[in-house]
C-alpha cells in the first residue's frame, strides 16, 4: 500500500483536521449568501461570477472545492447536487397559473404599488381567497415588486 503501514494510514486518518482560515470562512459565507439568494440553482462557475459581480474575486475551482465540502457536510454527493441543478423546474398547476393571472391583473391595475398583502386583500374582495404568503411567492417568481410611493 504505497509503502505505508496500515497502522500509519489509520493514524493519518485520525489526525485532527486543520481549521479553515478566516479568509476561507469569509469566502464560504459569501458563497452561502449567493447560494441561498439564488435558491440553490447556481453551480460553482455561476457562483464565482456572482461573487465577482459583488466585488469579490474567487476562482471557480476554489468555489467547487468548497461546494464539495458543503455537499459532504450535508450528506449529498456532488454529482447528485449538480444533477439536481440540471433537472427541469416543475411546471405550475393550472390553479397557480390562474392565481398568478389574477395577481398580475390587480398588480397592473394598481400601477405596481400594491404588495402581497394588499393584493391578497383585493383578491379577497373580488371573491378569490389567497394567502398573502402564496401571493408573495408567486410575485417573487414572476418578478413583480411593489414600488414605494
Protein backbone atom coordinates (compact mmCIF):
# COMPACT_ATOMS: atom_id res chain seq x y z
CA UNK A 1 0.00 0.00 0.00
CA UNK A 2 2.43 2.64 -1.29
CA UNK A 3 4.99 1.86 1.39
CA UNK A 4 2.68 2.92 4.23
CA UNK A 5 1.78 0.54 7.00
CA UNK A 6 -1.92 0.09 7.82
CA UNK A 7 -1.40 1.46 11.34
CA UNK A 8 0.31 4.57 9.89
CA UNK A 9 -2.56 5.03 7.47
CA UNK A 10 -5.16 4.82 10.25
CA UNK A 11 -3.16 7.28 12.36
CA UNK A 12 -3.20 9.65 9.40
CA UNK A 13 -7.00 9.36 9.20
CA UNK A 14 -7.38 10.04 12.94
CA UNK A 15 -5.26 13.22 12.94
CA UNK A 16 -7.11 16.49 13.63
CA UNK A 17 -8.13 18.39 10.51
CA UNK A 18 -6.62 21.87 10.11
CA UNK A 19 -9.11 24.62 10.82
CA UNK A 20 -10.12 26.90 7.97
CA UNK A 21 -8.50 30.32 7.80
CA UNK A 22 -10.61 33.42 8.41
CA UNK A 23 -10.33 34.31 4.71
CA UNK A 24 -11.70 30.89 3.76
CA UNK A 25 -14.52 31.24 6.30
CA UNK A 26 -15.46 34.63 4.82
CA UNK A 27 -15.40 33.16 1.32
CA UNK A 28 -17.63 30.30 2.45
CA UNK A 29 -20.06 32.82 3.99
CA UNK A 30 -20.19 34.73 0.70
CA UNK A 31 -20.77 31.50 -1.23
CA UNK A 32 -23.62 30.54 1.11
CA UNK A 33 -25.13 34.00 0.71
CA UNK A 34 -25.14 33.71 -3.11
CA UNK A 35 -26.33 30.10 -2.92
CA UNK A 36 -29.35 30.95 -0.77
CA UNK A 37 -30.09 34.16 -2.69
CA UNK A 38 -30.29 32.14 -5.89
CA UNK A 39 -32.27 29.34 -4.19
CA UNK A 40 -29.60 26.71 -4.76
CA UNK A 41 -29.72 26.91 -8.55
CA UNK A 42 -26.13 28.03 -9.13
CA UNK A 43 -23.11 25.82 -9.68
CA UNK A 44 -19.51 26.75 -8.89
CA UNK A 45 -18.87 28.82 -12.05
CA UNK A 46 -22.07 30.86 -11.72
CA UNK A 47 -21.42 31.40 -8.00
CA UNK A 48 -17.91 32.69 -8.73
CA UNK A 49 -19.34 35.03 -11.41
CA UNK A 50 -21.93 36.29 -8.93
CA UNK A 51 -19.19 36.86 -6.34
CA UNK A 52 -17.17 38.80 -8.91
CA UNK A 53 -20.24 40.93 -9.59
CA UNK A 54 -20.48 41.55 -5.82
CA UNK A 55 -16.86 42.73 -5.83
CA UNK A 56 -15.17 39.56 -4.57
CA UNK A 57 -12.77 37.73 -6.81
CA UNK A 58 -12.91 33.99 -6.21
CA UNK A 59 -11.64 31.26 -8.52
CA UNK A 60 -14.39 28.87 -9.57
CA UNK A 61 -12.14 25.90 -8.71
CA UNK A 62 -11.97 27.15 -5.14
CA UNK A 63 -15.74 27.51 -5.10
CA UNK A 64 -16.04 23.96 -6.47
CA UNK A 65 -13.81 22.67 -3.67
CA UNK A 66 -15.87 24.47 -1.06
CA UNK A 67 -19.09 23.21 -2.69
CA UNK A 68 -17.75 19.64 -2.40
CA UNK A 69 -17.08 20.28 1.27
CA UNK A 70 -20.61 21.64 1.73
CA UNK A 71 -22.04 18.58 -0.05
CA UNK A 72 -20.04 16.31 2.23
CA UNK A 73 -21.35 18.09 5.33
CA UNK A 74 -24.94 17.90 4.05
CA UNK A 75 -24.58 14.24 3.14
CA UNK A 76 -25.22 14.80 -0.57
CA UNK A 77 -22.93 13.65 -3.36
CA UNK A 78 -21.59 16.48 -5.56
CA UNK A 79 -22.76 14.65 -8.68
CA UNK A 80 -26.25 14.39 -7.19
CA UNK A 81 -26.24 18.11 -6.42
CA UNK A 82 -25.23 19.06 -9.95
CA UNK A 83 -27.76 16.59 -11.38
CA UNK A 84 -30.40 18.32 -9.26
CA UNK A 85 -29.39 21.67 -10.80
CA UNK A 86 -29.94 20.26 -14.29
CA UNK A 87 -33.46 18.99 -13.58
CA UNK A 88 -36.28 20.96 -15.16
CA UNK A 89 -38.35 23.03 -12.79
CA UNK A 90 -41.80 21.60 -12.09
CA UNK A 91 -44.49 23.35 -14.06
CA UNK A 92 -47.07 25.35 -12.16
CA UNK A 93 -50.53 23.87 -11.76
CA UNK A 94 -53.47 25.40 -13.58
CA UNK A 95 -54.74 26.79 -10.26
CA UNK A 96 -51.44 28.59 -9.67
CA UNK A 97 -51.48 29.94 -13.22
CA UNK A 98 -54.98 31.32 -12.68
CA UNK A 99 -53.96 32.83 -9.36
CA UNK A 100 -50.90 34.44 -10.94
CA UNK A 101 -53.07 35.85 -13.70
CA UNK A 102 -55.38 37.41 -11.08
CA UNK A 103 -52.38 38.75 -9.15
CA UNK A 104 -50.96 40.38 -12.30
CA UNK A 105 -54.37 41.87 -13.07
CA UNK A 106 -54.53 43.57 -9.64
CA UNK A 107 -50.83 44.49 -9.75
CA UNK A 108 -51.08 46.29 -13.09
CA UNK A 109 -54.48 47.80 -12.27
CA UNK A 110 -52.90 49.45 -9.23
CA UNK A 111 -49.82 50.50 -11.26
CA UNK A 112 -47.43 48.28 -9.32
CA UNK A 113 -47.96 49.96 -5.96
CA UNK A 114 -49.62 47.01 -4.20
CA UNK A 115 -47.57 44.46 -2.27
CA UNK A 116 -48.55 40.89 -1.48
CA UNK A 117 -50.79 41.70 1.50
CA UNK A 118 -52.77 44.39 -0.32
CA UNK A 119 -53.10 42.20 -3.41
CA UNK A 120 -54.42 39.31 -1.31
CA UNK A 121 -56.96 41.68 0.26
CA UNK A 122 -58.00 42.91 -3.20
CA UNK A 123 -58.38 39.32 -4.40
CA UNK A 124 -60.46 38.51 -1.32
CA UNK A 125 -62.72 41.46 -2.15
CA UNK A 126 -63.08 40.01 -5.66
CA UNK A 127 -64.12 36.67 -4.17
CA UNK A 128 -60.84 34.77 -4.54
CA UNK A 129 -59.24 33.87 -1.21
CA UNK A 130 -55.44 33.54 -1.44
CA UNK A 131 -52.94 33.59 1.41
CA UNK A 132 -50.59 36.59 1.33
CA UNK A 133 -47.56 34.27 1.61
CA UNK A 134 -48.63 32.45 -1.53
CA UNK A 135 -49.16 35.80 -3.27
CA UNK A 136 -45.67 36.86 -2.17
CA UNK A 137 -44.13 33.65 -3.51
CA UNK A 138 -45.91 33.92 -6.86
CA UNK A 139 -44.98 37.60 -7.14
CA UNK A 140 -41.34 36.77 -6.42
CA UNK A 141 -41.35 34.01 -9.05
CA UNK A 142 -42.93 36.40 -11.58
CA UNK A 143 -40.51 39.18 -10.57
CA UNK A 144 -43.31 41.56 -9.57
CA UNK A 145 -42.16 44.07 -6.96
CA UNK A 146 -44.26 46.80 -5.41
CA UNK A 147 -42.90 50.31 -5.92
CA UNK A 148 -42.65 52.61 -2.93
CA UNK A 149 -44.79 55.71 -3.23
